[in-house]
C-alpha atoms as a PDB file:
ATOM      1  CA  MET A   1      79.325 136.422  40.929  1.00  0.00           C
ATOM      2  CA  PHE A   2      82.546 136.535  38.921  1.00  0.00           C
ATOM      3  CA  THR A   3      80.874 139.067  36.546  1.00  0.00           C
ATOM      4  CA  LYS A   4      80.027 142.966  35.775  1.00  0.00           C
ATOM      5  CA  SER A   5      77.035 143.575  38.030  1.00  0.00           C
ATOM      6  CA  ARG A   6      74.199 145.668  37.297  1.00  0.00           C
ATOM      7  CA  ILE A   7      74.915 147.231  40.820  1.00  0.00           C
ATOM      8  CA  PRO A   8      78.595 148.776  41.028  1.00  0.00           C
ATOM      9  CA  GLY A   9      80.230 147.756  43.944  1.00  0.00           C
ATOM     10  CA  TRP A  10      77.506 144.446  44.657  1.00  0.00           C
ATOM     11  CA  HIS A  11      80.643 142.130  44.668  1.00  0.00           C
ATOM     12  CA  TRP A  12      82.418 144.635  46.742  1.00  0.00           C
ATOM     13  CA  VAL A  13      79.709 144.291  49.603  1.00  0.00           C
ATOM     14  CA  LEU A  14      79.420 140.757  49.346  1.00  0.00           C
ATOM     15  CA  GLN A  15      83.080 140.115  49.763  1.00  0.00           C
ATOM     16  CA  ARG A  16      82.984 142.198  52.732  1.00  0.00           C
ATOM     17  CA  VAL A  17      79.986 140.668  54.285  1.00  0.00           C
ATOM     18  CA  SER A  18      81.502 137.125  53.425  1.00  0.00           C
ATOM     19  CA  GLY A  19      84.511 137.951  55.277  1.00  0.00           C
ATOM     20  CA  LEU A  20      82.418 139.139  58.250  1.00  0.00           C
ATOM     21  CA  MET A  21      80.503 135.851  58.429  1.00  0.00           C
ATOM     22  CA  LEU A  22      84.197 134.048  57.979  1.00  0.00           C
ATOM     23  CA  VAL A  23      85.010 135.751  61.075  1.00  0.00           C
ATOM     24  CA  VAL A  24      81.805 135.252  63.342  1.00  0.00           C
ATOM     25  CA  GLY A  25      81.400 131.804  62.207  1.00  0.00           C
ATOM     26  CA  MET A  26      84.965 130.663  62.686  1.00  0.00           C
ATOM     27  CA  ILE A  27      84.958 132.977  66.113  1.00  0.00           C
ATOM     28  CA  GLY A  28      81.706 130.295  67.132  1.00  0.00           C
ATOM     29  CA  HIS A  29      83.099 127.503  65.514  1.00  0.00           C
ATOM     30  CA  PHE A  30      86.393 127.595  67.732  1.00  0.00           C
ATOM     31  CA  LEU A  31      85.182 128.538  70.972  1.00  0.00           C
ATOM     32  CA  VAL A  32      82.031 126.157  70.542  1.00  0.00           C
ATOM     33  CA  LEU A  33      83.986 123.148  69.128  1.00  0.00           C
ATOM     34  CA  HIS A  34      87.428 123.043  70.132  1.00  0.00           C
ATOM     35  CA  TYR A  35      87.248 125.102  73.626  1.00  0.00           C
ATOM     36  CA  THR A  36      84.224 123.719  75.600  1.00  0.00           C
ATOM     37  CA  PRO A  37      84.089 119.837  76.200  1.00  0.00           C
ATOM     38  CA  LEU A  38      80.458 119.644  75.383  1.00  0.00           C
ATOM     39  CA  PHE A  39      81.496 118.302  71.804  1.00  0.00           C
ATOM     40  CA  THR A  40      83.872 116.045  72.725  1.00  0.00           C
ATOM     41  CA  GLU A  41      84.417 112.709  73.623  1.00  0.00           C
ATOM     42  CA  GLY A  42      86.875 113.003  77.066  1.00  0.00           C
ATOM     43  CA  GLY A  43      88.280 116.384  75.210  1.00  0.00           C
ATOM     44  CA  VAL A  44      89.214 114.120  72.028  1.00  0.00           C
ATOM     45  CA  LYS A  45      86.800 114.964  68.730  1.00  0.00           C
ATOM     46  CA  THR A  46      85.723 111.886  67.110  1.00  0.00           C
ATOM     47  CA  TYR A  47      83.384 110.913  64.711  1.00  0.00           C
ATOM     48  CA  GLU A  48      80.568 109.973  66.990  1.00  0.00           C
ATOM     49  CA  SER A  49      80.912 113.498  69.058  1.00  0.00           C
ATOM     50  CA  THR A  50      80.400 115.244  65.338  1.00  0.00           C
ATOM     51  CA  ALA A  51      77.626 113.172  64.592  1.00  0.00           C
ATOM     52  CA  ALA A  52      75.784 113.507  68.372  1.00  0.00           C
ATOM     53  CA  ARG A  53      76.466 117.452  67.790  1.00  0.00           C
ATOM     54  CA  PHE A  54      74.161 116.911  64.379  1.00  0.00           C
ATOM     55  CA  VAL A  55      71.473 114.842  66.179  1.00  0.00           C
ATOM     56  CA  ASN A  56      71.590 117.252  69.301  1.00  0.00           C
ATOM     57  CA  GLY A  57      71.622 120.067  68.095  1.00  0.00           C
ATOM     58  CA  GLY A  58      69.477 119.707  65.153  1.00  0.00           C
ATOM     59  CA  PHE A  59      69.179 121.365  62.100  1.00  0.00           C
ATOM     60  CA  PHE A  60      70.807 124.437  63.530  1.00  0.00           C
ATOM     61  CA  TRP A  61      74.572 122.788  63.172  1.00  0.00           C
ATOM     62  CA  PHE A  62      73.899 121.522  59.564  1.00  0.00           C
ATOM     63  CA  LEU A  63      73.116 125.737  59.151  1.00  0.00           C
ATOM     64  CA  PHE A  64      76.121 126.784  60.468  1.00  0.00           C
ATOM     65  CA  ASP A  65      78.295 124.797  58.988  1.00  0.00           C
ATOM     66  CA  ALA A  66      76.679 125.153  55.634  1.00  0.00           C
ATOM     67  CA  MET A  67      76.945 129.059  56.005  1.00  0.00           C
ATOM     68  CA  ILE A  68      80.692 128.788  57.121  1.00  0.00           C
ATOM     69  CA  LEU A  69      80.875 126.789  53.988  1.00  0.00           C
ATOM     70  CA  MET A  70      79.487 128.962  51.363  1.00  0.00           C
ATOM     71  CA  ALA A  71      81.013 131.805  52.831  1.00  0.00           C
ATOM     72  CA  ALA A  72      84.398 130.283  52.599  1.00  0.00           C
ATOM     73  CA  VAL A  73      83.788 129.450  49.018  1.00  0.00           C
ATOM     74  CA  TYR A  74      82.228 132.506  47.767  1.00  0.00           C
ATOM     75  CA  HIS A  75      84.959 134.678  49.716  1.00  0.00           C
ATOM     76  CA  GLY A  76      87.533 132.532  48.141  1.00  0.00           C
ATOM     77  CA  LEU A  77      86.625 132.303  44.580  1.00  0.00           C
ATOM     78  CA  GLN A  78      85.281 135.771  44.316  1.00  0.00           C
ATOM     79  CA  GLY A  79      88.806 137.049  45.800  1.00  0.00           C
ATOM     80  CA  THR A  80      90.345 134.821  43.211  1.00  0.00           C
ATOM     81  CA  TYR A  81      88.626 136.425  40.781  1.00  0.00           C
ATOM     82  CA  ASN A  82      89.494 139.822  41.319  1.00  0.00           C
ATOM     83  CA  ILE A  83      93.253 138.665  41.768  1.00  0.00           C
ATOM     84  CA  ILE A  84      93.220 137.262  38.324  1.00  0.00           C
ATOM     85  CA  VAL A  85      90.928 140.397  36.910  1.00  0.00           C
ATOM     86  CA  ASP A  86      93.837 142.945  38.419  1.00  0.00           C
ATOM     87  CA  TYR A  87      96.140 141.503  35.692  1.00  0.00           C
ATOM     88  CA  ASN A  88      93.622 142.792  33.021  1.00  0.00           C
ATOM     89  CA  PRO A  89      93.256 139.266  30.944  1.00  0.00           C
ATOM     90  CA  LYS A  90      91.225 139.378  27.588  1.00  0.00           C
ATOM     91  CA  SER A  91      87.463 139.283  27.935  1.00  0.00           C
ATOM     92  CA  SER A  92      87.556 135.637  26.704  1.00  0.00           C
ATOM     93  CA  THR A  93      89.669 134.820  29.247  1.00  0.00           C
ATOM     94  CA  ARG A  94      87.571 136.322  31.944  1.00  0.00           C
ATOM     95  CA  LYS A  95      84.587 134.681  30.686  1.00  0.00           C
ATOM     96  CA  THR A  96      86.205 131.142  30.815  1.00  0.00           C
ATOM     97  CA  LEU A  97      87.735 131.579  34.245  1.00  0.00           C
ATOM     98  CA  ALA A  98      84.253 132.954  35.703  1.00  0.00           C
ATOM     99  CA  TRP A  99      82.475 129.708  34.168  1.00  0.00           C
ATOM    100  CA  PHE A 100      85.360 127.709  35.328  1.00  0.00           C
ATOM    101  CA  LEU A 101      85.030 129.322  39.272  1.00  0.00           C
ATOM    102  CA  TRP A 102      81.133 129.191  39.416  1.00  0.00           C
ATOM    103  CA  ILE A 103      81.035 125.167  38.428  1.00  0.00           C
ATOM    104  CA  LEU A 104      84.223 124.707  40.963  1.00  0.00           C
ATOM    105  CA  GLY A 105      82.063 126.908  43.907  1.00  0.00           C
ATOM    106  CA  ILE A 106      78.866 124.919  42.864  1.00  0.00           C
ATOM    107  CA  ALA A 107      80.507 121.465  43.131  1.00  0.00           C
ATOM    108  CA  THR A 108      82.757 122.568  45.760  1.00  0.00           C
ATOM    109  CA  CYS A 109      79.101 123.172  47.899  1.00  0.00           C
ATOM    110  CA  ILE A 110      77.482 120.336  46.863  1.00  0.00           C
ATOM    111  CA  LEU A 111      80.378 118.192  47.732  1.00  0.00           C
ATOM    112  CA  GLY A 112      79.969 119.892  51.065  1.00  0.00           C
ATOM    113  CA  PHE A 113      76.534 119.657  51.941  1.00  0.00           C
ATOM    114  CA  VAL A 114      76.349 116.173  51.002  1.00  0.00           C
ATOM    115  CA  LEU A 115      79.163 115.527  53.457  1.00  0.00           C
ATOM    116  CA  LEU A 116      77.731 117.372  56.317  1.00  0.00           C
ATOM    117  CA  GLY A 117      74.193 115.714  55.408  1.00  0.00           C
ATOM    118  CA  LYS A 118      75.796 112.313  56.420  1.00  0.00           C
ATOM    119  CA  PHE A 119      76.316 113.303  59.743  1.00  0.00           C
ATOM    120  CA  ILE A 120      72.646 114.048  60.012  1.00  0.00           C
ATOM    121  CA  GLY A 121      70.754 111.120  61.502  1.00  0.00           C
ATOM    122  CA  GLU A 122      73.663 108.890  61.805  1.00  0.00           C
ATOM    123  CA  TYR A 123      74.551 109.079  65.653  1.00  0.00           C
ATOM    124  CA  LYS A 124      73.805 105.711  67.486  1.00  0.00           C
ATOM    125  CA  PRO A 125      74.937 105.682  70.972  1.00  0.00           C
ATOM    126  CA  ALA A 126      76.835 102.951  72.239  1.00  0.00           C
ATOM    127  CA  LEU A 127      74.472 100.596  74.668  1.00  0.00           C
END
């Protein structure tokens, strides 16, 4: 990511794949979580309904949300890198930018995984 590849066009392909993952993932997200009463409490999204979704759906919802997160981070940061590289900066600037975007992407994914992990095992229904 963000550097020259040994396989020409690899980043172009990954940009399209991550975009397709985002489209499919967001359609699934909106259909299941916003337009069905299955994962809401009285039609309202709450912390408890989200935690219940993770408990009842098991590891699937964690993976689903994690895949959307990783696709969004890759797609956004790779797109940002491509736009800046179009302006043909110096090689040192390009390398510094690539390292910065790598660190930002990894930190964002770690934070996202930690936050998603907080929902697993959190749901305790009211008695």
